[in-house]
N, C-alpha and C. Protein backbone atom coordinates (compact mmCIF):
# COMPACT_ATOMS: atom_id res chain seq x y z
N UNK A 1 77.53 17.41 -96.61
CA UNK A 1 77.47 15.97 -96.56
C UNK A 1 76.25 15.50 -97.34
N UNK A 2 76.39 14.42 -98.10
CA UNK A 2 75.29 13.85 -98.87
C UNK A 2 74.40 13.01 -97.95
N UNK A 3 73.09 12.92 -98.25
CA UNK A 3 72.21 12.08 -97.45
C UNK A 3 72.70 10.63 -97.38
N UNK A 4 73.40 10.17 -98.40
CA UNK A 4 73.91 8.80 -98.39
C UNK A 4 75.04 8.63 -97.38
N UNK A 5 75.55 9.71 -96.85
CA UNK A 5 76.60 9.64 -95.85
C UNK A 5 76.05 9.49 -94.43
N UNK A 6 74.74 9.29 -94.32
CA UNK A 6 74.10 9.16 -93.01
C UNK A 6 73.45 7.79 -92.91
N UNK A 7 73.76 7.07 -91.84
CA UNK A 7 73.10 5.82 -91.55
C UNK A 7 71.87 6.17 -90.72
N UNK A 8 70.70 5.72 -91.17
CA UNK A 8 69.45 6.04 -90.48
C UNK A 8 68.69 4.76 -90.15
N UNK A 9 68.14 4.72 -88.93
CA UNK A 9 67.26 3.63 -88.50
C UNK A 9 66.11 4.26 -87.73
N UNK A 10 64.92 3.69 -87.88
CA UNK A 10 63.73 4.25 -87.25
C UNK A 10 62.83 3.15 -86.73
N UNK A 11 62.22 3.40 -85.56
CA UNK A 11 61.16 2.54 -85.03
C UNK A 11 60.06 3.43 -84.48
N UNK A 12 58.90 2.84 -84.30
CA UNK A 12 57.80 3.53 -83.64
C UNK A 12 57.40 2.73 -82.42
N UNK A 13 57.17 3.45 -81.31
CA UNK A 13 56.77 2.81 -80.06
C UNK A 13 55.50 3.48 -79.54
N UNK A 14 54.69 2.71 -78.82
CA UNK A 14 53.39 3.18 -78.36
C UNK A 14 53.44 3.85 -76.99
N UNK A 15 54.40 4.74 -76.82
CA UNK A 15 54.50 5.57 -75.61
C UNK A 15 54.84 6.99 -76.07
N UNK A 16 54.60 7.96 -75.21
CA UNK A 16 54.89 9.35 -75.55
C UNK A 16 56.41 9.58 -75.63
N UNK A 17 56.86 10.68 -76.24
CA UNK A 17 58.29 10.93 -76.40
C UNK A 17 59.09 10.99 -75.09
N UNK A 18 58.52 11.57 -74.05
CA UNK A 18 59.25 11.64 -72.79
C UNK A 18 59.47 10.25 -72.21
N UNK A 19 58.45 9.41 -72.29
CA UNK A 19 58.58 8.03 -71.80
C UNK A 19 59.55 7.24 -72.68
N UNK A 20 59.45 7.40 -74.00
CA UNK A 20 60.36 6.69 -74.91
C UNK A 20 61.81 7.07 -74.62
N UNK A 21 62.06 8.36 -74.41
CA UNK A 21 63.41 8.84 -74.09
C UNK A 21 63.91 8.19 -72.80
N UNK A 22 63.05 8.17 -71.77
CA UNK A 22 63.43 7.58 -70.48
C UNK A 22 63.70 6.09 -70.61
N UNK A 23 62.84 5.38 -71.36
CA UNK A 23 63.06 3.94 -71.56
C UNK A 23 64.39 3.72 -72.28
N UNK A 24 64.64 4.51 -73.32
CA UNK A 24 65.88 4.34 -74.09
C UNK A 24 67.10 4.58 -73.21
N UNK A 25 67.13 5.69 -72.51
CA UNK A 25 68.35 6.09 -71.80
C UNK A 25 68.49 5.47 -70.41
N UNK A 26 67.41 5.41 -69.65
CA UNK A 26 67.49 4.92 -68.27
C UNK A 26 67.43 3.40 -68.17
N UNK A 27 66.79 2.76 -69.14
CA UNK A 27 66.60 1.31 -69.09
C UNK A 27 67.48 0.57 -70.10
N UNK A 28 68.44 1.24 -70.70
CA UNK A 28 69.26 0.61 -71.73
C UNK A 28 69.94 -0.66 -71.24
N UNK A 29 70.30 -0.69 -69.97
CA UNK A 29 70.93 -1.89 -69.41
C UNK A 29 69.99 -3.08 -69.35
N UNK A 30 68.70 -2.85 -69.47
CA UNK A 30 67.72 -3.93 -69.45
C UNK A 30 67.35 -4.41 -70.86
N UNK A 31 67.36 -3.50 -71.83
CA UNK A 31 66.95 -3.93 -73.17
C UNK A 31 68.10 -4.24 -74.12
N UNK A 32 69.31 -3.77 -73.82
CA UNK A 32 70.46 -4.06 -74.69
C UNK A 32 70.78 -5.54 -74.58
N UNK A 33 70.93 -6.21 -75.70
CA UNK A 33 71.17 -7.65 -75.69
C UNK A 33 72.67 -7.95 -75.70
N UNK A 34 73.12 -8.71 -74.73
CA UNK A 34 74.54 -9.08 -74.71
C UNK A 34 74.86 -10.06 -75.83
N UNK A 35 76.09 -10.04 -76.25
CA UNK A 35 76.53 -10.97 -77.28
C UNK A 35 77.83 -10.54 -77.90
N UNK A 36 78.50 -11.45 -78.57
CA UNK A 36 79.83 -11.16 -79.10
C UNK A 36 79.87 -10.05 -80.13
N UNK A 37 78.78 -9.82 -80.86
CA UNK A 37 78.80 -8.75 -81.86
C UNK A 37 78.22 -7.45 -81.32
N UNK A 38 77.71 -7.46 -80.11
CA UNK A 38 77.05 -6.28 -79.54
C UNK A 38 77.93 -5.49 -78.58
N UNK A 39 79.12 -5.95 -78.36
CA UNK A 39 80.01 -5.31 -77.40
C UNK A 39 81.33 -4.94 -78.07
N UNK A 40 81.99 -3.95 -77.52
CA UNK A 40 83.36 -3.63 -77.96
C UNK A 40 84.33 -4.68 -77.46
N UNK A 41 84.10 -5.17 -76.23
CA UNK A 41 84.92 -6.25 -75.68
C UNK A 41 84.00 -7.26 -75.00
N UNK A 42 83.55 -8.28 -75.76
CA UNK A 42 82.59 -9.23 -75.20
C UNK A 42 83.13 -10.06 -74.03
N UNK A 43 84.45 -10.13 -73.87
CA UNK A 43 85.01 -10.87 -72.74
C UNK A 43 84.84 -10.11 -71.43
N UNK A 44 84.77 -8.80 -71.50
CA UNK A 44 84.69 -7.96 -70.30
C UNK A 44 83.29 -7.40 -70.03
N UNK A 45 82.51 -7.18 -71.08
CA UNK A 45 81.24 -6.46 -70.95
C UNK A 45 80.24 -7.21 -70.09
N UNK A 46 79.64 -6.49 -69.13
CA UNK A 46 78.59 -7.07 -68.29
C UNK A 46 77.32 -6.22 -68.34
N UNK A 47 77.36 -5.10 -69.03
CA UNK A 47 76.19 -4.24 -69.11
C UNK A 47 76.49 -2.99 -69.90
N UNK A 48 75.48 -2.13 -69.94
CA UNK A 48 75.63 -0.87 -70.66
C UNK A 48 74.79 0.17 -69.94
N UNK A 49 75.26 1.42 -69.96
CA UNK A 49 74.51 2.49 -69.30
C UNK A 49 74.80 3.82 -69.97
N UNK A 50 73.88 4.76 -69.77
CA UNK A 50 74.05 6.11 -70.29
C UNK A 50 73.97 7.07 -69.11
N UNK A 51 74.97 7.91 -68.98
CA UNK A 51 74.94 8.97 -67.96
C UNK A 51 74.17 10.15 -68.54
N UNK A 52 73.15 10.62 -67.82
CA UNK A 52 72.33 11.72 -68.37
C UNK A 52 73.08 13.05 -68.40
N UNK A 53 72.70 13.88 -69.36
CA UNK A 53 73.21 15.24 -69.43
C UNK A 53 74.38 15.42 -70.38
N UNK A 54 74.58 16.68 -70.75
CA UNK A 54 75.71 17.04 -71.60
C UNK A 54 77.00 16.65 -70.89
N UNK A 55 77.90 16.04 -71.60
CA UNK A 55 79.18 15.52 -71.14
C UNK A 55 79.04 14.18 -70.41
N UNK A 56 77.80 13.64 -70.35
CA UNK A 56 77.61 12.29 -69.83
C UNK A 56 78.23 11.30 -70.80
N UNK A 57 78.32 10.05 -70.36
CA UNK A 57 78.96 9.03 -71.18
C UNK A 57 78.01 7.88 -71.46
N UNK A 58 78.18 7.27 -72.63
CA UNK A 58 77.55 6.00 -72.97
C UNK A 58 78.63 4.98 -72.65
N UNK A 59 78.42 4.15 -71.65
CA UNK A 59 79.46 3.25 -71.14
C UNK A 59 79.11 1.78 -71.35
N UNK A 60 80.04 1.04 -71.91
CA UNK A 60 79.97 -0.42 -71.91
C UNK A 60 80.61 -0.83 -70.59
N UNK A 61 79.82 -1.36 -69.68
CA UNK A 61 80.24 -1.60 -68.30
C UNK A 61 81.08 -2.88 -68.21
N UNK A 62 82.24 -2.75 -67.57
CA UNK A 62 83.12 -3.89 -67.31
C UNK A 62 83.20 -4.20 -65.82
N UNK A 63 82.96 -3.23 -64.97
CA UNK A 63 83.06 -3.39 -63.52
C UNK A 63 81.69 -3.13 -62.89
N UNK A 64 81.08 -4.19 -62.35
CA UNK A 64 79.75 -4.07 -61.77
C UNK A 64 79.68 -3.20 -60.53
N UNK A 65 80.78 -3.05 -59.82
CA UNK A 65 80.79 -2.24 -58.60
C UNK A 65 80.87 -0.75 -58.95
N UNK A 66 81.80 -0.38 -59.80
CA UNK A 66 82.00 1.04 -60.13
C UNK A 66 81.13 1.50 -61.30
N UNK A 67 80.67 0.55 -62.13
CA UNK A 67 79.92 0.93 -63.32
C UNK A 67 80.80 1.45 -64.44
N UNK A 68 82.09 1.30 -64.28
CA UNK A 68 83.04 1.82 -65.28
C UNK A 68 83.34 0.77 -66.34
N UNK A 69 83.89 1.24 -67.45
CA UNK A 69 84.25 0.37 -68.55
C UNK A 69 84.70 1.18 -69.74
N UNK A 70 84.26 0.79 -70.92
CA UNK A 70 84.68 1.43 -72.15
C UNK A 70 83.69 2.54 -72.50
N UNK A 71 84.20 3.73 -72.80
CA UNK A 71 83.34 4.85 -73.19
C UNK A 71 83.01 4.73 -74.68
N UNK A 72 81.75 4.42 -74.95
CA UNK A 72 81.26 4.27 -76.33
C UNK A 72 80.84 5.61 -76.92
N UNK A 73 80.65 6.59 -76.07
CA UNK A 73 80.22 7.89 -76.57
C UNK A 73 80.22 8.94 -75.47
N UNK A 74 80.28 10.20 -75.90
CA UNK A 74 80.23 11.35 -75.00
C UNK A 74 79.07 12.23 -75.45
N UNK A 75 78.15 12.52 -74.52
CA UNK A 75 76.94 13.26 -74.84
C UNK A 75 77.28 14.73 -75.15
N UNK A 76 76.79 15.18 -76.32
CA UNK A 76 76.97 16.57 -76.75
C UNK A 76 75.70 17.40 -76.54
N UNK A 77 74.55 16.77 -76.77
CA UNK A 77 73.25 17.43 -76.64
C UNK A 77 72.35 16.50 -75.85
N UNK A 78 71.63 17.05 -74.87
CA UNK A 78 70.74 16.26 -74.02
C UNK A 78 69.44 17.04 -73.84
N UNK A 79 68.40 16.63 -74.56
CA UNK A 79 67.09 17.27 -74.50
C UNK A 79 66.06 16.18 -74.21
N UNK A 80 65.81 15.85 -72.92
CA UNK A 80 64.89 14.77 -72.58
C UNK A 80 63.54 14.90 -73.29
N UNK A 81 63.11 13.79 -73.86
CA UNK A 81 61.86 13.75 -74.60
C UNK A 81 61.97 14.23 -76.03
N UNK A 82 63.12 14.76 -76.40
CA UNK A 82 63.29 15.32 -77.75
C UNK A 82 64.43 14.62 -78.49
N UNK A 83 65.64 14.67 -77.94
CA UNK A 83 66.79 14.08 -78.62
C UNK A 83 68.01 14.08 -77.72
N UNK A 84 68.98 13.26 -78.11
CA UNK A 84 70.33 13.40 -77.58
C UNK A 84 71.30 13.05 -78.69
N UNK A 85 72.48 13.65 -78.60
CA UNK A 85 73.54 13.47 -79.60
C UNK A 85 74.81 13.11 -78.84
N UNK A 86 75.55 12.14 -79.39
CA UNK A 86 76.83 11.80 -78.77
C UNK A 86 77.90 11.56 -79.83
N UNK A 87 79.15 11.82 -79.42
CA UNK A 87 80.30 11.46 -80.25
C UNK A 87 80.54 9.98 -80.04
N UNK A 88 80.59 9.25 -81.13
CA UNK A 88 80.71 7.80 -81.09
C UNK A 88 82.18 7.38 -80.91
N UNK A 89 82.37 6.29 -80.19
CA UNK A 89 83.70 5.67 -80.03
C UNK A 89 83.55 4.17 -80.26
N UNK A 90 84.55 3.54 -80.84
CA UNK A 90 84.55 2.09 -80.93
C UNK A 90 85.91 1.56 -80.54
N UNK A 91 85.95 0.28 -80.20
CA UNK A 91 87.18 -0.32 -79.67
C UNK A 91 88.34 -0.22 -80.65
N UNK A 92 88.07 -0.33 -81.95
CA UNK A 92 89.15 -0.23 -82.93
C UNK A 92 89.53 1.20 -83.26
N UNK A 93 88.75 2.15 -82.78
CA UNK A 93 88.97 3.58 -83.00
C UNK A 93 88.96 3.96 -84.47
N UNK A 94 88.38 3.09 -85.31
CA UNK A 94 88.34 3.38 -86.74
C UNK A 94 87.31 4.45 -87.10
N UNK A 95 86.24 4.52 -86.32
CA UNK A 95 85.18 5.48 -86.64
C UNK A 95 84.91 6.41 -85.46
N UNK A 96 85.91 6.60 -84.62
CA UNK A 96 85.79 7.53 -83.50
C UNK A 96 85.39 8.92 -83.99
N UNK A 97 84.61 9.59 -83.16
CA UNK A 97 84.18 10.97 -83.38
C UNK A 97 83.21 11.13 -84.55
N UNK A 98 82.66 10.01 -85.06
CA UNK A 98 81.46 10.16 -85.86
C UNK A 98 80.37 10.51 -84.86
N UNK A 99 79.23 10.93 -85.33
CA UNK A 99 78.21 11.48 -84.44
C UNK A 99 76.91 10.70 -84.59
N UNK A 100 76.27 10.42 -83.44
CA UNK A 100 74.98 9.73 -83.45
C UNK A 100 73.96 10.64 -82.79
N UNK A 101 72.84 10.84 -83.49
CA UNK A 101 71.72 11.60 -82.94
C UNK A 101 70.52 10.67 -82.85
N UNK A 102 69.83 10.69 -81.71
CA UNK A 102 68.62 9.90 -81.53
C UNK A 102 67.51 10.89 -81.18
N UNK A 103 66.48 10.92 -82.07
CA UNK A 103 65.36 11.86 -81.91
C UNK A 103 64.08 11.11 -81.54
N UNK A 104 63.25 11.79 -80.75
CA UNK A 104 61.98 11.24 -80.27
C UNK A 104 60.87 12.20 -80.70
N UNK A 105 60.06 11.78 -81.68
CA UNK A 105 59.05 12.65 -82.28
C UNK A 105 57.65 12.09 -82.03
N UNK A 106 56.77 12.92 -81.48
CA UNK A 106 55.39 12.50 -81.24
C UNK A 106 54.70 12.21 -82.57
N UNK A 107 54.00 11.08 -82.61
CA UNK A 107 53.17 10.70 -83.75
C UNK A 107 51.85 10.17 -83.19
N UNK A 108 50.86 9.99 -84.05
CA UNK A 108 49.61 9.39 -83.58
C UNK A 108 49.91 8.02 -82.99
N UNK A 109 49.50 7.81 -81.77
CA UNK A 109 49.69 6.51 -81.12
C UNK A 109 51.04 6.31 -80.47
N UNK A 110 51.90 7.31 -80.44
CA UNK A 110 53.19 7.10 -79.78
C UNK A 110 54.30 8.01 -80.21
N UNK A 111 55.45 7.39 -80.48
CA UNK A 111 56.68 8.14 -80.77
C UNK A 111 57.44 7.46 -81.89
N UNK A 112 57.93 8.26 -82.81
CA UNK A 112 58.88 7.78 -83.81
C UNK A 112 60.28 8.08 -83.27
N UNK A 113 61.08 7.05 -83.17
CA UNK A 113 62.47 7.18 -82.72
C UNK A 113 63.35 7.01 -83.94
N UNK A 114 64.13 8.05 -84.23
CA UNK A 114 65.00 8.05 -85.40
C UNK A 114 66.44 8.20 -84.95
N UNK A 115 67.27 7.29 -85.39
CA UNK A 115 68.70 7.33 -85.10
C UNK A 115 69.43 7.67 -86.39
N UNK A 116 70.31 8.67 -86.32
CA UNK A 116 71.18 9.01 -87.45
C UNK A 116 72.63 8.92 -87.00
N UNK A 117 73.40 8.14 -87.72
CA UNK A 117 74.85 8.04 -87.47
C UNK A 117 75.52 8.72 -88.66
N UNK A 118 76.18 9.82 -88.39
CA UNK A 118 76.75 10.65 -89.46
C UNK A 118 78.21 11.00 -89.16
N UNK A 119 78.80 11.71 -90.10
CA UNK A 119 80.20 12.09 -89.95
C UNK A 119 81.13 11.10 -90.62
N UNK A 120 80.58 10.31 -91.53
CA UNK A 120 81.39 9.30 -92.22
C UNK A 120 82.45 9.93 -93.11
N UNK A 121 82.30 11.23 -93.40
CA UNK A 121 83.32 11.93 -94.20
C UNK A 121 84.62 12.08 -93.43
N UNK A 122 84.60 11.84 -92.11
CA UNK A 122 85.82 11.90 -91.29
C UNK A 122 86.62 10.60 -91.37
N UNK A 123 86.03 9.58 -92.01
CA UNK A 123 86.62 8.24 -92.05
C UNK A 123 87.11 7.97 -93.47
N UNK A 124 88.18 7.21 -93.60
CA UNK A 124 88.69 6.85 -94.93
C UNK A 124 87.56 6.24 -95.75
N UNK A 125 87.44 6.61 -97.03
CA UNK A 125 86.29 6.19 -97.85
C UNK A 125 86.01 4.68 -97.86
N UNK A 126 87.04 3.85 -98.06
CA UNK A 126 86.79 2.41 -98.11
C UNK A 126 86.33 1.87 -96.75
N UNK A 127 86.88 2.41 -95.70
CA UNK A 127 86.47 2.02 -94.35
C UNK A 127 85.07 2.54 -94.04
N UNK A 128 84.78 3.77 -94.44
CA UNK A 128 83.46 4.36 -94.21
C UNK A 128 82.38 3.52 -94.87
N UNK A 129 82.62 3.08 -96.09
CA UNK A 129 81.64 2.27 -96.81
C UNK A 129 81.36 0.96 -96.07
N UNK A 130 82.42 0.29 -95.67
CA UNK A 130 82.28 -1.00 -94.97
C UNK A 130 81.61 -0.83 -93.61
N UNK A 131 82.10 0.10 -92.82
CA UNK A 131 81.60 0.26 -91.44
C UNK A 131 80.19 0.86 -91.42
N UNK A 132 79.87 1.75 -92.35
CA UNK A 132 78.52 2.32 -92.36
C UNK A 132 77.49 1.25 -92.68
N UNK A 133 77.80 0.30 -93.54
CA UNK A 133 76.87 -0.80 -93.82
C UNK A 133 76.68 -1.68 -92.60
N UNK A 134 77.76 -1.96 -91.88
CA UNK A 134 77.65 -2.73 -90.64
C UNK A 134 76.79 -1.98 -89.61
N UNK A 135 77.00 -0.69 -89.51
CA UNK A 135 76.23 0.12 -88.55
C UNK A 135 74.77 0.22 -88.97
N UNK A 136 74.51 0.28 -90.26
CA UNK A 136 73.11 0.32 -90.74
C UNK A 136 72.36 -0.92 -90.23
N UNK A 137 72.96 -2.07 -90.38
CA UNK A 137 72.37 -3.32 -89.88
C UNK A 137 72.33 -3.32 -88.35
N UNK A 138 73.43 -2.92 -87.73
CA UNK A 138 73.52 -2.95 -86.27
C UNK A 138 72.53 -2.02 -85.58
N UNK A 139 72.46 -0.77 -86.04
CA UNK A 139 71.55 0.18 -85.39
C UNK A 139 70.10 -0.25 -85.59
N UNK A 140 69.78 -0.81 -86.74
CA UNK A 140 68.41 -1.30 -86.97
C UNK A 140 68.06 -2.39 -85.97
N UNK A 141 68.98 -3.32 -85.74
CA UNK A 141 68.75 -4.37 -84.74
C UNK A 141 68.61 -3.78 -83.34
N UNK A 142 69.47 -2.85 -83.00
CA UNK A 142 69.45 -2.25 -81.67
C UNK A 142 68.12 -1.53 -81.43
N UNK A 143 67.65 -0.76 -82.40
CA UNK A 143 66.35 -0.10 -82.24
C UNK A 143 65.22 -1.13 -82.14
N UNK A 144 65.38 -2.26 -82.79
CA UNK A 144 64.40 -3.34 -82.65
C UNK A 144 64.35 -3.86 -81.22
N UNK A 145 65.51 -4.02 -80.58
CA UNK A 145 65.53 -4.46 -79.17
C UNK A 145 64.83 -3.44 -78.29
N UNK A 146 65.13 -2.16 -78.54
CA UNK A 146 64.49 -1.08 -77.79
C UNK A 146 62.97 -1.14 -77.96
N UNK A 147 62.51 -1.29 -79.20
CA UNK A 147 61.09 -1.34 -79.49
C UNK A 147 60.41 -2.50 -78.77
N UNK A 148 61.04 -3.66 -78.81
CA UNK A 148 60.49 -4.83 -78.11
C UNK A 148 60.39 -4.58 -76.60
N UNK A 149 61.43 -3.99 -76.03
CA UNK A 149 61.43 -3.71 -74.59
C UNK A 149 60.34 -2.68 -74.26
N UNK A 150 60.22 -1.64 -75.08
CA UNK A 150 59.20 -0.61 -74.83
C UNK A 150 57.80 -1.22 -74.89
N UNK A 151 57.61 -2.24 -75.73
CA UNK A 151 56.30 -2.87 -75.87
C UNK A 151 56.05 -3.92 -74.80
N UNK A 152 57.04 -4.78 -74.54
CA UNK A 152 56.85 -5.93 -73.66
C UNK A 152 57.44 -5.81 -72.27
N UNK A 153 58.59 -5.16 -72.14
CA UNK A 153 59.33 -5.29 -70.90
C UNK A 153 59.33 -4.12 -69.95
N UNK A 154 59.33 -2.93 -70.45
CA UNK A 154 59.50 -1.76 -69.59
C UNK A 154 58.32 -1.55 -68.65
N UNK A 155 58.61 -1.32 -67.37
CA UNK A 155 57.52 -1.00 -66.44
C UNK A 155 56.86 0.34 -66.78
N UNK A 156 57.52 1.18 -67.55
CA UNK A 156 56.96 2.47 -67.96
C UNK A 156 55.93 2.35 -69.08
N UNK A 157 55.88 1.21 -69.76
CA UNK A 157 55.03 1.08 -70.94
C UNK A 157 53.56 1.29 -70.62
N UNK A 158 53.10 0.87 -69.45
CA UNK A 158 51.69 1.02 -69.08
C UNK A 158 51.37 2.49 -68.89
N UNK A 159 52.18 3.17 -68.09
CA UNK A 159 51.98 4.62 -67.89
C UNK A 159 52.09 5.36 -69.20
N UNK A 160 53.13 5.05 -69.98
CA UNK A 160 53.36 5.76 -71.23
C UNK A 160 52.27 5.51 -72.25
N UNK A 161 51.77 4.27 -72.32
CA UNK A 161 50.74 3.98 -73.32
C UNK A 161 49.44 4.69 -72.98
N UNK A 162 49.16 4.89 -71.70
CA UNK A 162 47.95 5.61 -71.32
C UNK A 162 47.99 7.05 -71.83
N UNK A 163 49.18 7.61 -71.89
CA UNK A 163 49.34 8.99 -72.35
C UNK A 163 48.98 9.12 -73.82
N UNK A 164 49.31 8.11 -74.63
CA UNK A 164 49.03 8.20 -76.06
C UNK A 164 47.72 7.54 -76.44
N UNK A 165 46.94 7.08 -75.46
CA UNK A 165 45.61 6.58 -75.73
C UNK A 165 45.53 5.12 -76.11
N UNK A 166 46.57 4.35 -75.87
CA UNK A 166 46.50 2.93 -76.16
C UNK A 166 45.59 2.24 -75.15
N UNK A 167 44.90 1.20 -75.60
CA UNK A 167 44.01 0.46 -74.72
C UNK A 167 44.73 -0.80 -74.28
N UNK A 168 44.80 -1.07 -72.96
CA UNK A 168 45.43 -2.30 -72.51
C UNK A 168 44.77 -3.51 -73.17
N UNK A 169 45.54 -4.54 -73.45
CA UNK A 169 45.09 -5.72 -74.17
C UNK A 169 43.82 -6.31 -73.57
N UNK A 170 43.73 -6.43 -72.26
CA UNK A 170 42.59 -7.06 -71.63
C UNK A 170 41.32 -6.23 -71.73
N UNK A 171 41.41 -4.96 -72.11
CA UNK A 171 40.23 -4.12 -72.26
C UNK A 171 39.79 -4.03 -73.71
N UNK A 172 40.58 -4.55 -74.64
CA UNK A 172 40.21 -4.48 -76.06
C UNK A 172 39.03 -5.40 -76.35
N UNK A 173 39.02 -6.57 -75.79
CA UNK A 173 37.97 -7.55 -76.03
C UNK A 173 37.61 -8.17 -74.70
N UNK A 174 36.44 -7.83 -74.14
CA UNK A 174 36.09 -8.32 -72.83
C UNK A 174 35.98 -9.85 -72.75
N UNK A 175 35.89 -10.56 -73.89
CA UNK A 175 35.80 -12.02 -73.87
C UNK A 175 37.14 -12.68 -73.63
N UNK A 176 38.23 -11.94 -73.76
CA UNK A 176 39.57 -12.52 -73.59
C UNK A 176 39.93 -12.69 -72.15
């Protein structure tokens, strides 16, 4: 496969890889933004969740009691703090069984999170070109939501930032 056959998006967050992984997978229902372009079925979707472990599911939740809904992916690899890989599914089934890998790499000051959506060679060429461009934009936005949540919203951000040596805002300048 050519490098151009891979959709890649990357963000950096100021928490360690284990914390970044936990924020991404355990808190996805808090940072994922609802909306008509963010769901497979916006009329039914009420949330999103990831079941941990190999053979777990990435679920677009339709039923608040059972947590069930549309399976957006099936986990193939689960390495907390390092990466997870899932087979992708979409409502139109046009790009089913393409593969998404999300890696968490320690860097100075935090973690680089890299998402690769690959397997476009399994899709008809004209469809692959169109859908991969949409996914390039979409995954970039989604990682942006994650990054914002890791910085502003997650209760883990304080614990995680201490691990990578970040200074809380109120300690940076005692006059503030």
